[in-house]
C-alpha atoms as a PDB file:
ATOM      1  CA  MET A   1     148.798 115.801  90.708  1.00  0.00           C
ATOM      2  CA  SER A   2     148.663 116.441  94.365  1.00  0.00           C
ATOM      3  CA  THR A   3     150.760 115.498  97.197  1.00  0.00           C
ATOM      4  CA  PRO A   4     149.488 114.067 100.447  1.00  0.00           C
ATOM      5  CA  THR A   5     149.948 116.389 103.205  1.00  0.00           C
ATOM      6  CA  THR A   6     150.409 115.388 106.976  1.00  0.00           C
ATOM      7  CA  THR A   7     149.036 117.577 109.838  1.00  0.00           C
ATOM      8  CA  LYS A   8     150.242 117.478 113.254  1.00  0.00           C
ATOM      9  CA  GLN A   9     147.531 117.496 115.974  1.00  0.00           C
ATOM     10  CA  ASP A  10     148.468 118.191 119.725  1.00  0.00           C
ATOM     11  CA  ASN A  11     145.458 116.914 121.207  1.00  0.00           C
ATOM     12  CA  LEU A  12     144.362 114.027 118.990  1.00  0.00           C
ATOM     13  CA  GLN A  13     141.525 112.133 120.748  1.00  0.00           C
ATOM     14  CA  SER A  14     139.285 109.149 119.636  1.00  0.00           C
ATOM     15  CA  ARG A  15     135.865 110.270 118.658  1.00  0.00           C
ATOM     16  CA  LEU A  16     134.517 107.195 120.464  1.00  0.00           C
ATOM     17  CA  PRO A  17     134.257 107.801 124.363  1.00  0.00           C
ATOM     18  CA  GLY A  18     136.102 104.740 125.326  1.00  0.00           C
ATOM     19  CA  PRO A  19     136.716 102.560 121.842  1.00  0.00           C
ATOM     20  CA  THR A  20     138.194  99.615 123.987  1.00  0.00           C
ATOM     21  CA  GLN A  21     134.962  99.105 125.544  1.00  0.00           C
ATOM     22  CA  PHE A  22     133.424  98.302 122.053  1.00  0.00           C
ATOM     23  CA  PHE A  23     136.780  96.861 120.540  1.00  0.00           C
ATOM     24  CA  PRO A  24     138.523  95.073 123.363  1.00  0.00           C
ATOM     25  CA  GLU A  25     141.272  94.023 121.046  1.00  0.00           C
ATOM     26  CA  LEU A  26     142.178  97.748 119.982  1.00  0.00           C
ATOM     27  CA  ALA A  27     144.517  97.879 123.316  1.00  0.00           C
ATOM     28  CA  ALA A  28     146.689  95.117 122.257  1.00  0.00           C
ATOM     29  CA  ILE A  29     146.584  96.243 118.472  1.00  0.00           C
ATOM     30  CA  SER A  30     147.751  99.792 118.984  1.00  0.00           C
ATOM     31  CA  GLY A  31     150.361  98.673 121.593  1.00  0.00           C
ATOM     32  CA  ALA A  32     151.812  96.370 118.868  1.00  0.00           C
ATOM     33  CA  MET A  33     151.844  98.927 116.166  1.00  0.00           C
ATOM     34  CA  SER A  34     153.473 101.433 118.665  1.00  0.00           C
ATOM     35  CA  LYS A  35     156.410  99.104 119.606  1.00  0.00           C
ATOM     36  CA  ALA A  36     156.655  98.159 115.763  1.00  0.00           C
ATOM     37  CA  THR A  37     157.037 101.518 114.664  1.00  0.00           C
ATOM     38  CA  ARG A  38     159.414 102.829 117.516  1.00  0.00           C
ATOM     39  CA  ASN A  39     161.821  99.950 116.921  1.00  0.00           C
ATOM     40  CA  GLY A  40     162.133 100.589 113.222  1.00  0.00           C
ATOM     41  CA  ASN A  41     160.184  97.392 112.020  1.00  0.00           C
ATOM     42  CA  ALA A  42     157.849  99.434 110.081  1.00  0.00           C
ATOM     43  CA  ARG A  43     159.259 101.145 106.953  1.00  0.00           C
ATOM     44  CA  ASN A  44     158.496 104.868 106.472  1.00  0.00           C
ATOM     45  CA  ALA A  45     156.129 105.571 103.698  1.00  0.00           C
ATOM     46  CA  ALA A  46     158.205 108.521 102.503  1.00  0.00           C
ATOM     47  CA  ARG A  47     161.183 106.527 101.820  1.00  0.00           C
END
């Protein structure tokens, strides 16, 4: 059975050259996700 791995990437960028122009709600969604993960509301999958 294989185990999932995580790779850290220093310059992680979107493949779209400005995804919010195509998906305007993306900024609000990503902001909410960042806020939830920083304040501990989202559980860590490794727990």
